[in-house]
Structure formats: structure tokens, C-alpha cells
Amino acid sequence: ANIKSAKKRVLVSEKRAARNKAIRSKVKTAIKKVDAAIAANDKEAAGV
């Protein structure tokens, strides 16, 4: 982009996309931990 405001929008959108990706990744990891506990048939670990 050539316009100052457009350059800022590019930077802001990259920053927010990175933040959103990190949060989605945390959620996916948490879900995988539940699935792993279920696969291991560990009721207590699955609850935690």
C-alpha cells in the first residue's frame, strides 16, 4: 500500500491474525489433550 492508513491497516491486520491464530492453536491443543485422555481411558485426566 502507498497510503499511510492502508499501511497501518496491513500491520494491524497481521498483528490481529497472529493473535487469533495463537488463541485458536491453544484451543486445539486443549481439545487434543481431552481426546488423548479419552483414548487412554483415563476418566480423571479427561475431567481435568
All heavy atoms as atom14 arrays in JSON, in Angstrom:
{
  "sequence": "ANIKSAKKRVLVSEKRAARNKAIRSKVKTAIKKVDAAIAANDKEAAGV",
  "atom14_mask": [
    [1, 1, 1, 1, 1, 0, 0, 0, 0, 0, 0, 0, 0, 0],
    [1, 1, 1, 1, 1, 1, 1, 1, 0, 0, 0, 0, 0, 0],
    [1, 1, 1, 1, 1, 1, 1, 1, 0, 0, 0, 0, 0, 0],
    [1, 1, 1, 1, 1, 1, 1, 1, 1, 0, 0, 0, 0, 0],
    [1, 1, 1, 1, 1, 1, 0, 0, 0, 0, 0, 0, 0, 0],
    [1, 1, 1, 1, 1, 0, 0, 0, 0, 0, 0, 0, 0, 0],
    [1, 1, 1, 1, 1, 1, 1, 1, 1, 0, 0, 0, 0, 0],
    [1, 1, 1, 1, 1, 1, 1, 1, 1, 0, 0, 0, 0, 0],
    [1, 1, 1, 1, 1, 1, 1, 1, 1, 1, 1, 0, 0, 0],
    [1, 1, 1, 1, 1, 1, 1, 0, 0, 0, 0, 0, 0, 0],
    [1, 1, 1, 1, 1, 1, 1, 1, 0, 0, 0, 0, 0, 0],
    [1, 1, 1, 1, 1, 1, 1, 0, 0, 0, 0, 0, 0, 0],
    [1, 1, 1, 1, 1, 1, 0, 0, 0, 0, 0, 0, 0, 0],
    [1, 1, 1, 1, 1, 1, 1, 1, 1, 0, 0, 0, 0, 0],
    [1, 1, 1, 1, 1, 1, 1, 1, 1, 0, 0, 0, 0, 0],
    [1, 1, 1, 1, 1, 1, 1, 1, 1, 1, 1, 0, 0, 0],
    [1, 1, 1, 1, 1, 0, 0, 0, 0, 0, 0, 0, 0, 0],
    [1, 1, 1, 1, 1, 0, 0, 0, 0, 0, 0, 0, 0, 0],
    [1, 1, 1, 1, 1, 1, 1, 1, 1, 1, 1, 0, 0, 0],
    [1, 1, 1, 1, 1, 1, 1, 1, 0, 0, 0, 0, 0, 0],
    [1, 1, 1, 1, 1, 1, 1, 1, 1, 0, 0, 0, 0, 0],
    [1, 1, 1, 1, 1, 0, 0, 0, 0, 0, 0, 0, 0, 0],
    [1, 1, 1, 1, 1, 1, 1, 1, 0, 0, 0, 0, 0, 0],
    [1, 1, 1, 1, 1, 1, 1, 1, 1, 1, 1, 0, 0, 0],
    [1, 1, 1, 1, 1, 1, 0, 0, 0, 0, 0, 0, 0, 0],
    [1, 1, 1, 1, 1, 1, 1, 1, 1, 0, 0, 0, 0, 0],
    [1, 1, 1, 1, 1, 1, 1, 0, 0, 0, 0, 0, 0, 0],
    [1, 1, 1, 1, 1, 1, 1, 1, 1, 0, 0, 0, 0, 0],
    [1, 1, 1, 1, 1, 1, 1, 0, 0, 0, 0, 0, 0, 0],
    [1, 1, 1, 1, 1, 0, 0, 0, 0, 0, 0, 0, 0, 0],
    [1, 1, 1, 1, 1, 1, 1, 1, 0, 0, 0, 0, 0, 0],
    [1, 1, 1, 1, 1, 1, 1, 1, 1, 0, 0, 0, 0, 0],
    [1, 1, 1, 1, 1, 1, 1, 1, 1, 0, 0, 0, 0, 0],
    [1, 1, 1, 1, 1, 1, 1, 0, 0, 0, 0, 0, 0, 0],
    [1, 1, 1, 1, 1, 1, 1, 1, 0, 0, 0, 0, 0, 0],
    [1, 1, 1, 1, 1, 0, 0, 0, 0, 0, 0, 0, 0, 0],
    [1, 1, 1, 1, 1, 0, 0, 0, 0, 0, 0, 0, 0, 0],
    [1, 1, 1, 1, 1, 1, 1, 1, 0, 0, 0, 0, 0, 0],
    [1, 1, 1, 1, 1, 0, 0, 0, 0, 0, 0, 0, 0, 0],
    [1, 1, 1, 1, 1, 0, 0, 0, 0, 0, 0, 0, 0, 0],
    [1, 1, 1, 1, 1, 1, 1, 1, 0, 0, 0, 0, 0, 0],
    [1, 1, 1, 1, 1, 1, 1, 1, 0, 0, 0, 0, 0, 0],
    [1, 1, 1, 1, 1, 1, 1, 1, 1, 0, 0, 0, 0, 0],
    [1, 1, 1, 1, 1, 1, 1, 1, 1, 0, 0, 0, 0, 0],
    [1, 1, 1, 1, 1, 0, 0, 0, 0, 0, 0, 0, 0, 0],
    [1, 1, 1, 1, 1, 0, 0, 0, 0, 0, 0, 0, 0, 0],
    [1, 1, 1, 1, 0, 0, 0, 0, 0, 0, 0, 0, 0, 0],
    [1, 1, 1, 1, 1, 1, 1, 0, 0, 0, 0, 0, 0, 0]
  ],
  "atom14_positions": [
    [[0.84, -1.2, 0.0], [0.0, 0.0, 0.0], [0.87, 1.26, 0.0], [1.97, 1.26, 0.54], [-0.89, -0.01, 1.23], [0.0, 0.0, 0.0], [0.0, 0.0, 0.0], [0.0, 0.0, 0.0], [0.0, 0.0, 0.0], [0.0, 0.0, 0.0], [0.0, 0.0, 0.0], [0.0, 0.0, 0.0], [0.0, 0.0, 0.0], [0.0, 0.0, 0.0]],
    [[0.34, 2.31, -0.62], [1.04, 3.58, -0.66], [0.51, 4.57, 0.37], [1.25, 5.42, 0.87], [0.93, 4.22, -2.05], [1.72, 3.44, -3.08], [2.78, 2.92, -2.78], [1.19, 3.34, -4.28], [0.0, 0.0, 0.0], [0.0, 0.0, 0.0], [0.0, 0.0, 0.0], [0.0, 0.0, 0.0], [0.0, 0.0, 0.0], [0.0, 0.0, 0.0]],
    [[-0.75, 4.46, 0.7], [-1.39, 5.4, 1.62], [-1.07, 5.0, 3.06], [-1.06, 3.82, 3.39], [-2.91, 5.44, 1.37], [-3.16, 5.9, -0.07], [-3.62, 6.33, 2.36], [-4.58, 5.71, -0.54], [0.0, 0.0, 0.0], [0.0, 0.0, 0.0], [0.0, 0.0, 0.0], [0.0, 0.0, 0.0], [0.0, 0.0, 0.0], [0.0, 0.0, 0.0]],
    [[-0.81, 6.01, 3.89], [-0.39, 5.76, 5.27], [-1.41, 4.91, 6.03], [-1.05, 3.96, 6.74], [-0.18, 7.09, 5.98], [0.39, 6.96, 7.37], [0.66, 8.31, 7.99], [1.24, 8.15, 9.38], [1.47, 9.43, 10.03], [0.0, 0.0, 0.0], [0.0, 0.0, 0.0], [0.0, 0.0, 0.0], [0.0, 0.0, 0.0], [0.0, 0.0, 0.0]],
    [[-2.69, 5.23, 5.9], [-3.72, 4.5, 6.64], [-3.81, 3.05, 6.15], [-4.04, 2.13, 6.94], [-5.08, 5.18, 6.5], [-5.48, 5.23, 5.15], [0.0, 0.0, 0.0], [0.0, 0.0, 0.0], [0.0, 0.0, 0.0], [0.0, 0.0, 0.0], [0.0, 0.0, 0.0], [0.0, 0.0, 0.0], [0.0, 0.0, 0.0], [0.0, 0.0, 0.0]],
    [[-3.58, 2.83, 4.86], [-3.62, 1.47, 4.3], [-2.44, 0.66, 4.82], [-2.57, -0.53, 5.12], [-3.6, 1.52, 2.79], [0.0, 0.0, 0.0], [0.0, 0.0, 0.0], [0.0, 0.0, 0.0], [0.0, 0.0, 0.0], [0.0, 0.0, 0.0], [0.0, 0.0, 0.0], [0.0, 0.0, 0.0], [0.0, 0.0, 0.0], [0.0, 0.0, 0.0]],
    [[-1.28, 1.31, 4.95], [-0.11, 0.63, 5.5], [-0.37, 0.21, 6.95], [-0.02, -0.89, 7.36], [1.12, 1.55, 5.47], [1.66, 1.79, 4.08], [2.83, 2.74, 4.11], [3.32, 3.07, 2.73], [4.43, 4.03, 2.73], [0.0, 0.0, 0.0], [0.0, 0.0, 0.0], [0.0, 0.0, 0.0], [0.0, 0.0, 0.0], [0.0, 0.0, 0.0]],
    [[-1.01, 1.09, 7.69], [-1.33, 0.79, 9.08], [-2.31, -0.39, 9.15], [-2.18, -1.28, 9.99], [-1.92, 2.0, 9.79], [-2.24, 1.74, 11.24], [-2.79, 2.94, 11.96], [-3.11, 2.57, 13.39], [-3.68, 3.68, 14.14], [0.0, 0.0, 0.0], [0.0, 0.0, 0.0], [0.0, 0.0, 0.0], [0.0, 0.0, 0.0], [0.0, 0.0, 0.0]],
    [[-3.32, -0.39, 8.28], [-4.3, -1.48, 8.28], [-3.62, -2.83, 8.03], [-3.98, -3.83, 8.62], [-5.39, -1.25, 7.22], [-6.32, -0.1, 7.44], [-6.99, -0.03, 8.79], [-7.58, -1.29, 9.2], [-7.8, -1.63, 10.47], [-7.49, -0.8, 11.45], [-8.33, -2.77, 10.77], [0.0, 0.0, 0.0], [0.0, 0.0, 0.0], [0.0, 0.0, 0.0]],
    [[-2.63, -2.84, 7.13], [-1.9, -4.07, 6.85], [-1.19, -4.56, 8.11], [-1.28, -5.74, 8.46], [-0.88, -3.85, 5.7], [0.07, -5.02, 5.58], [-1.61, -3.62, 4.39], [0.0, 0.0, 0.0], [0.0, 0.0, 0.0], [0.0, 0.0, 0.0], [0.0, 0.0, 0.0], [0.0, 0.0, 0.0], [0.0, 0.0, 0.0], [0.0, 0.0, 0.0]],
    [[-0.53, -3.65, 8.81], [0.19, -4.02, 10.03], [-0.77, -4.51, 11.11], [-0.52, -5.52, 11.77], [1.0, -2.82, 10.56], [2.16, -2.35, 9.68], [2.78, -1.08, 10.28], [3.21, -3.43, 9.56], [0.0, 0.0, 0.0], [0.0, 0.0, 0.0], [0.0, 0.0, 0.0], [0.0, 0.0, 0.0], [0.0, 0.0, 0.0], [0.0, 0.0, 0.0]],
    [[-1.86, -3.79, 11.29], [-2.83, -4.14, 12.32], [-3.47, -5.5, 12.02], [-3.64, -6.33, 12.92], [-3.9, -3.04, 12.46], [-5.04, -3.49, 13.35], [-3.27, -1.78, 13.03], [0.0, 0.0, 0.0], [0.0, 0.0, 0.0], [0.0, 0.0, 0.0], [0.0, 0.0, 0.0], [0.0, 0.0, 0.0], [0.0, 0.0, 0.0], [0.0, 0.0, 0.0]],
    [[-3.81, -5.72, 10.74], [-4.46, -6.99, 10.4], [-3.51, -8.16, 10.58], [-3.92, -9.23, 11.02], [-5.02, -6.95, 8.98], [-3.98, -6.85, 8.04], [0.0, 0.0, 0.0], [0.0, 0.0, 0.0], [0.0, 0.0, 0.0], [0.0, 0.0, 0.0], [0.0, 0.0, 0.0], [0.0, 0.0, 0.0], [0.0, 0.0, 0.0], [0.0, 0.0, 0.0]],
    [[-2.22, -7.97, 10.29], [-1.22, -9.03, 10.51], [-1.09, -9.34, 12.0], [-1.02, -10.5, 12.39], [0.14, -8.62, 9.95], [0.24, -8.68, 8.44], [1.56, -8.15, 7.92], [2.39, -7.65, 8.71], [1.76, -8.22, 6.7], [0.0, 0.0, 0.0], [0.0, 0.0, 0.0], [0.0, 0.0, 0.0], [0.0, 0.0, 0.0], [0.0, 0.0, 0.0]],
    [[-1.08, -8.3, 12.8], [-0.96, -8.45, 14.25], [-2.15, -9.21, 14.82], [-2.0, -10.14, 15.62], [-0.86, -7.06, 14.87], [-0.5, -7.0, 16.32], [-0.39, -5.53, 16.71], [0.16, -5.33, 18.09], [0.24, -3.91, 18.43], [0.0, 0.0, 0.0], [0.0, 0.0, 0.0], [0.0, 0.0, 0.0], [0.0, 0.0, 0.0], [0.0, 0.0, 0.0]],
    [[-3.35, -8.83, 14.39], [-4.56, -9.49, 14.88], [-4.66, -10.93, 14.39], [-5.1, -11.81, 15.12], [-5.8, -8.71, 14.45], [-5.97, -7.43, 15.23], [-7.28, -6.77, 14.92], [-7.41, -5.58, 15.75], [-8.56, -5.07, 16.12], [-9.68, -5.62, 15.75], [-8.59, -4.0, 16.87], [0.0, 0.0, 0.0], [0.0, 0.0, 0.0], [0.0, 0.0, 0.0]],
    [[-4.25, -11.16, 13.15], [-4.28, -12.52, 12.6], [-3.36, -13.44, 13.41], [-3.71, -14.58, 13.7], [-3.88, -12.51, 11.13], [0.0, 0.0, 0.0], [0.0, 0.0, 0.0], [0.0, 0.0, 0.0], [0.0, 0.0, 0.0], [0.0, 0.0, 0.0], [0.0, 0.0, 0.0], [0.0, 0.0, 0.0], [0.0, 0.0, 0.0], [0.0, 0.0, 0.0]],
    [[-2.2, -12.92, 13.79], [-1.25, -13.7, 14.6], [-1.85, -14.01, 15.97], [-1.73, -15.14, 16.48], [0.07, -12.96, 14.75], [0.0, 0.0, 0.0], [0.0, 0.0, 0.0], [0.0, 0.0, 0.0], [0.0, 0.0, 0.0], [0.0, 0.0, 0.0], [0.0, 0.0, 0.0], [0.0, 0.0, 0.0], [0.0, 0.0, 0.0], [0.0, 0.0, 0.0]],
    [[-2.51, -13.03, 16.56], [-3.14, -13.21, 17.88], [-4.25, -14.25, 17.79], [-4.34, -15.16, 18.62], [-3.69, -11.88, 18.37], [-4.49, -11.95, 19.64], [-4.94, -10.53, 20.02], [-6.02, -10.57, 20.98], [-7.32, -10.52, 20.67], [-7.69, -10.43, 19.41], [-8.23, -10.54, 21.6], [0.0, 0.0, 0.0], [0.0, 0.0, 0.0], [0.0, 0.0, 0.0]],
    [[-5.1, -14.12, 16.75], [-6.2, -15.06, 16.57], [-5.68, -16.48, 16.36], [-6.23, -17.44, 16.9], [-7.07, -14.66, 15.38], [-7.82, -13.37, 15.64], [-7.89, -12.88, 16.76], [-8.37, -12.8, 14.58], [0.0, 0.0, 0.0], [0.0, 0.0, 0.0], [0.0, 0.0, 0.0], [0.0, 0.0, 0.0], [0.0, 0.0, 0.0], [0.0, 0.0, 0.0]],
    [[-4.61, -16.6, 15.58], [-4.04, -17.91, 15.29], [-3.5, -18.55, 16.57], [-3.68, -19.75, 16.79], [-2.92, -17.76, 14.25], [-2.38, -19.07, 13.74], [-1.38, -18.84, 12.62], [-0.88, -20.15, 12.07], [0.12, -19.96, 11.01], [0.0, 0.0, 0.0], [0.0, 0.0, 0.0], [0.0, 0.0, 0.0], [0.0, 0.0, 0.0], [0.0, 0.0, 0.0]],
    [[-2.85, -17.76, 17.41], [-2.3, -18.28, 18.67], [-3.41, -18.77, 19.59], [-3.3, -19.84, 20.21], [-1.48, -17.2, 19.36], [0.0, 0.0, 0.0], [0.0, 0.0, 0.0], [0.0, 0.0, 0.0], [0.0, 0.0, 0.0], [0.0, 0.0, 0.0], [0.0, 0.0, 0.0], [0.0, 0.0, 0.0], [0.0, 0.0, 0.0], [0.0, 0.0, 0.0]],
    [[-4.5, -18.02, 19.65], [-5.63, -18.4, 20.52], [-6.3, -19.66, 19.98], [-6.62, -20.58, 20.75], [-6.62, -17.24, 20.66], [-5.96, -16.08, 21.42], [-7.88, -17.68, 21.37], [-6.74, -14.79, 21.42], [0.0, 0.0, 0.0], [0.0, 0.0, 0.0], [0.0, 0.0, 0.0], [0.0, 0.0, 0.0], [0.0, 0.0, 0.0], [0.0, 0.0, 0.0]],
    [[-6.5, -19.75, 18.67], [-7.09, -20.95, 18.07], [-6.21, -22.17, 18.33], [-6.7, -23.27, 18.6], [-7.24, -20.77, 16.57], [-8.5, -20.07, 16.17], [-8.85, -20.34, 14.71], [-9.94, -19.47, 14.34], [-9.78, -18.3, 13.72], [-8.59, -17.87, 13.41], [-10.84, -17.57, 13.42], [0.0, 0.0, 0.0], [0.0, 0.0, 0.0], [0.0, 0.0, 0.0]],
    [[-4.9, -21.96, 18.25], [-3.96, -23.05, 18.49], [-4.07, -23.56, 19.92], [-4.03, -24.77, 20.16], [-2.54, -22.56, 18.2], [-1.62, -23.58, 18.47], [0.0, 0.0, 0.0], [0.0, 0.0, 0.0], [0.0, 0.0, 0.0], [0.0, 0.0, 0.0], [0.0, 0.0, 0.0], [0.0, 0.0, 0.0], [0.0, 0.0, 0.0], [0.0, 0.0, 0.0]],
    [[-4.21, -22.63, 20.89], [-4.38, -23.03, 22.28], [-5.62, -23.88, 22.48], [-5.61, -24.88, 23.2], [-4.5, -21.79, 23.18], [-3.22, -21.23, 23.69], [-3.53, -20.07, 24.61], [-2.45, -19.89, 25.64], [-2.74, -18.8, 26.56], [0.0, 0.0, 0.0], [0.0, 0.0, 0.0], [0.0, 0.0, 0.0], [0.0, 0.0, 0.0], [0.0, 0.0, 0.0]],
    [[-6.7, -23.48, 21.82], [-7.96, -24.22, 21.93], [-7.79, -25.62, 21.34], [-8.2, -26.61, 21.95], [-9.12, -23.47, 21.23], [-10.36, -24.35, 21.13], [-9.44, -22.19, 21.98], [0.0, 0.0, 0.0], [0.0, 0.0, 0.0], [0.0, 0.0, 0.0], [0.0, 0.0, 0.0], [0.0, 0.0, 0.0], [0.0, 0.0, 0.0], [0.0, 0.0, 0.0]],
    [[-7.17, -25.71, 20.16], [-6.98, -27.01, 19.52], [-6.12, -27.92, 20.4], [-6.4, -29.12, 20.5], [-6.32, -26.83, 18.15], [-7.25, -26.29, 17.09], [-6.5, -26.16, 15.78], [-7.33, -25.46, 14.73], [-6.57, -25.27, 13.48], [0.0, 0.0, 0.0], [0.0, 0.0, 0.0], [0.0, 0.0, 0.0], [0.0, 0.0, 0.0], [0.0, 0.0, 0.0]],
    [[-5.08, -27.37, 21.01], [-4.22, -28.16, 21.89], [-5.0, -28.68, 23.08], [-4.87, -29.85, 23.46], [-3.02, -27.3, 22.37], [-2.31, -26.83, 21.23], [-2.1, -28.1, 23.26], [0.0, 0.0, 0.0], [0.0, 0.0, 0.0], [0.0, 0.0, 0.0], [0.0, 0.0, 0.0], [0.0, 0.0, 0.0], [0.0, 0.0, 0.0], [0.0, 0.0, 0.0]],
    [[-5.84, -27.84, 23.67], [-6.65, -28.25, 24.82], [-7.61, -29.37, 24.43], [-7.79, -30.33, 25.18], [-7.42, -27.05, 25.37], [0.0, 0.0, 0.0], [0.0, 0.0, 0.0], [0.0, 0.0, 0.0], [0.0, 0.0, 0.0], [0.0, 0.0, 0.0], [0.0, 0.0, 0.0], [0.0, 0.0, 0.0], [0.0, 0.0, 0.0], [0.0, 0.0, 0.0]],
    [[-8.19, -29.27, 23.24], [-9.12, -30.3, 22.76], [-8.37, -31.61, 22.53], [-8.86, -32.69, 22.87], [-9.85, -29.84, 21.49], [-10.83, -28.71, 21.84], [-10.58, -30.98, 20.81], [-11.46, -28.03, 20.65], [0.0, 0.0, 0.0], [0.0, 0.0, 0.0], [0.0, 0.0, 0.0], [0.0, 0.0, 0.0], [0.0, 0.0, 0.0], [0.0, 0.0, 0.0]],
    [[-7.16, -31.52, 21.97], [-6.36, -32.73, 21.74], [-6.0, -33.42, 23.05], [-5.94, -34.65, 23.11], [-5.09, -32.38, 20.97], [-5.32, -32.11, 19.5], [-4.03, -31.72, 18.81], [-4.3, -31.24, 17.4], [-3.09, -30.69, 16.77], [0.0, 0.0, 0.0], [0.0, 0.0, 0.0], [0.0, 0.0, 0.0], [0.0, 0.0, 0.0], [0.0, 0.0, 0.0]],
    [[-5.77, -32.64, 24.1], [-5.46, -33.23, 25.41], [-6.66, -34.01, 25.95], [-6.49, -35.09, 26.52], [-5.03, -32.16, 26.4], [-3.63, -31.64, 26.14], [-3.23, -30.59, 27.14], [-1.83, -30.04, 26.83], [-1.44, -28.97, 27.74], [0.0, 0.0, 0.0], [0.0, 0.0, 0.0], [0.0, 0.0, 0.0], [0.0, 0.0, 0.0], [0.0, 0.0, 0.0]],
    [[-7.86, -33.47, 25.76], [-9.08, -34.18, 26.19], [-9.21, -35.48, 25.38], [-9.46, -36.54, 25.96], [-10.34, -33.3, 26.0], [-11.59, -34.09, 26.34], [-10.26, -32.06, 26.86], [0.0, 0.0, 0.0], [0.0, 0.0, 0.0], [0.0, 0.0, 0.0], [0.0, 0.0, 0.0], [0.0, 0.0, 0.0], [0.0, 0.0, 0.0], [0.0, 0.0, 0.0]],
    [[-9.02, -35.39, 24.07], [-9.14, -36.58, 23.22], [-8.11, -37.64, 23.59], [-8.41, -38.84, 23.6], [-8.98, -36.19, 21.74], [-10.16, -35.39, 21.22], [-11.25, -35.47, 21.82], [-9.99, -34.68, 20.21], [0.0, 0.0, 0.0], [0.0, 0.0, 0.0], [0.0, 0.0, 0.0], [0.0, 0.0, 0.0], [0.0, 0.0, 0.0], [0.0, 0.0, 0.0]],
    [[-6.89, -37.2, 23.93], [-5.84, -38.15, 24.33], [-6.21, -38.85, 25.63], [-6.0, -40.06, 25.77], [-4.51, -37.42, 24.48], [0.0, 0.0, 0.0], [0.0, 0.0, 0.0], [0.0, 0.0, 0.0], [0.0, 0.0, 0.0], [0.0, 0.0, 0.0], [0.0, 0.0, 0.0], [0.0, 0.0, 0.0], [0.0, 0.0, 0.0], [0.0, 0.0, 0.0]],
    [[-6.77, -38.12, 26.57], [-7.18, -38.71, 27.85], [-8.32, -39.7, 27.63], [-8.37, -40.76, 28.28], [-7.6, -37.63, 28.83], [0.0, 0.0, 0.0], [0.0, 0.0, 0.0], [0.0, 0.0, 0.0], [0.0, 0.0, 0.0], [0.0, 0.0, 0.0], [0.0, 0.0, 0.0], [0.0, 0.0, 0.0], [0.0, 0.0, 0.0], [0.0, 0.0, 0.0]],
    [[-9.22, -39.38, 26.72], [-10.33, -40.29, 26.4], [-9.79, -41.56, 25.76], [-10.19, -42.67, 26.1], [-11.37, -39.6, 25.49], [-12.1, -38.5, 26.26], [-12.37, -40.61, 24.94], [-12.96, -37.6, 25.4], [0.0, 0.0, 0.0], [0.0, 0.0, 0.0], [0.0, 0.0, 0.0], [0.0, 0.0, 0.0], [0.0, 0.0, 0.0], [0.0, 0.0, 0.0]],
    [[-8.84, -41.41, 24.83], [-8.24, -42.56, 24.16], [-7.5, -43.46, 25.15], [-7.5, -44.68, 25.01], [-7.3, -42.09, 23.06], [0.0, 0.0, 0.0], [0.0, 0.0, 0.0], [0.0, 0.0, 0.0], [0.0, 0.0, 0.0], [0.0, 0.0, 0.0], [0.0, 0.0, 0.0], [0.0, 0.0, 0.0], [0.0, 0.0, 0.0], [0.0, 0.0, 0.0]],
    [[-6.87, -42.84, 26.16], [-6.15, -43.6, 27.18], [-7.1, -44.18, 28.22], [-6.66, -44.9, 29.12], [-5.12, -42.7, 27.85], [0.0, 0.0, 0.0], [0.0, 0.0, 0.0], [0.0, 0.0, 0.0], [0.0, 0.0, 0.0], [0.0, 0.0, 0.0], [0.0, 0.0, 0.0], [0.0, 0.0, 0.0], [0.0, 0.0, 0.0], [0.0, 0.0, 0.0]],
    [[-8.37, -43.83, 28.11], [-9.41, -44.32, 29.02], [-9.14, -43.88, 30.47], [-9.39, -44.63, 31.41], [-9.56, -45.84, 28.93], [-10.97, -46.28, 29.22], [-11.89, -45.46, 29.21], [-11.15, -47.55, 29.49], [0.0, 0.0, 0.0], [0.0, 0.0, 0.0], [0.0, 0.0, 0.0], [0.0, 0.0, 0.0], [0.0, 0.0, 0.0], [0.0, 0.0, 0.0]],
    [[-8.63, -42.65, 30.62], [-8.33, -42.09, 31.94], [-9.39, -41.05, 32.29], [-9.32, -39.9, 31.86], [-6.93, -41.46, 31.91], [-6.45, -41.04, 33.29], [-7.25, -41.1, 34.25], [-5.27, -40.65, 33.41], [0.0, 0.0, 0.0], [0.0, 0.0, 0.0], [0.0, 0.0, 0.0], [0.0, 0.0, 0.0], [0.0, 0.0, 0.0], [0.0, 0.0, 0.0]],
    [[-10.38, -41.48, 33.05], [-11.54, -40.63, 33.38], [-11.12, -39.36, 34.12], [-11.59, -38.27, 33.82], [-12.53, -41.46, 34.2], [-13.77, -40.72, 34.63], [-14.88, -40.89, 33.63], [-16.18, -40.33, 34.19], [-17.08, -39.91, 33.17], [0.0, 0.0, 0.0], [0.0, 0.0, 0.0], [0.0, 0.0, 0.0], [0.0, 0.0, 0.0], [0.0, 0.0, 0.0]],
    [[-10.23, -39.5, 35.1], [-9.83, -38.35, 35.92], [-9.07, -37.31, 35.09], [-9.36, -36.12, 35.16], [-8.95, -38.83, 37.08], [-8.73, -37.77, 38.14], [-8.02, -38.32, 39.36], [-8.37, -39.43, 39.79], [-7.11, -37.63, 39.86], [0.0, 0.0, 0.0], [0.0, 0.0, 0.0], [0.0, 0.0, 0.0], [0.0, 0.0, 0.0], [0.0, 0.0, 0.0]],
    [[-8.12, -37.78, 34.3], [-7.35, -36.86, 33.44], [-8.25, -36.19, 32.42], [-8.08, -35.01, 32.09], [-6.22, -37.61, 32.74], [0.0, 0.0, 0.0], [0.0, 0.0, 0.0], [0.0, 0.0, 0.0], [0.0, 0.0, 0.0], [0.0, 0.0, 0.0], [0.0, 0.0, 0.0], [0.0, 0.0, 0.0], [0.0, 0.0, 0.0], [0.0, 0.0, 0.0]],
    [[-9.23, -36.94, 31.91], [-10.16, -36.39, 30.93], [-10.99, -35.27, 31.56], [-11.23, -34.24, 30.92], [-11.08, -37.48, 30.39], [0.0, 0.0, 0.0], [0.0, 0.0, 0.0], [0.0, 0.0, 0.0], [0.0, 0.0, 0.0], [0.0, 0.0, 0.0], [0.0, 0.0, 0.0], [0.0, 0.0, 0.0], [0.0, 0.0, 0.0], [0.0, 0.0, 0.0]],
    [[-11.4, -35.45, 32.81], [-12.17, -34.41, 33.51], [-11.37, -33.14, 33.7], [-11.86, -32.03, 33.49], [0.0, 0.0, 0.0], [0.0, 0.0, 0.0], [0.0, 0.0, 0.0], [0.0, 0.0, 0.0], [0.0, 0.0, 0.0], [0.0, 0.0, 0.0], [0.0, 0.0, 0.0], [0.0, 0.0, 0.0], [0.0, 0.0, 0.0], [0.0, 0.0, 0.0]],
    [[-10.11, -33.31, 34.11], [-9.23, -32.15, 34.31], [-8.98, -31.45, 32.98], [-9.06, -30.21, 32.88], [-7.89, -32.6, 34.95], [-6.89, -31.46, 34.98], [-8.13, -33.13, 36.36], [0.0, 0.0, 0.0], [0.0, 0.0, 0.0], [0.0, 0.0, 0.0], [0.0, 0.0, 0.0], [0.0, 0.0, 0.0], [0.0, 0.0, 0.0], [0.0, 0.0, 0.0]]
  ]
}
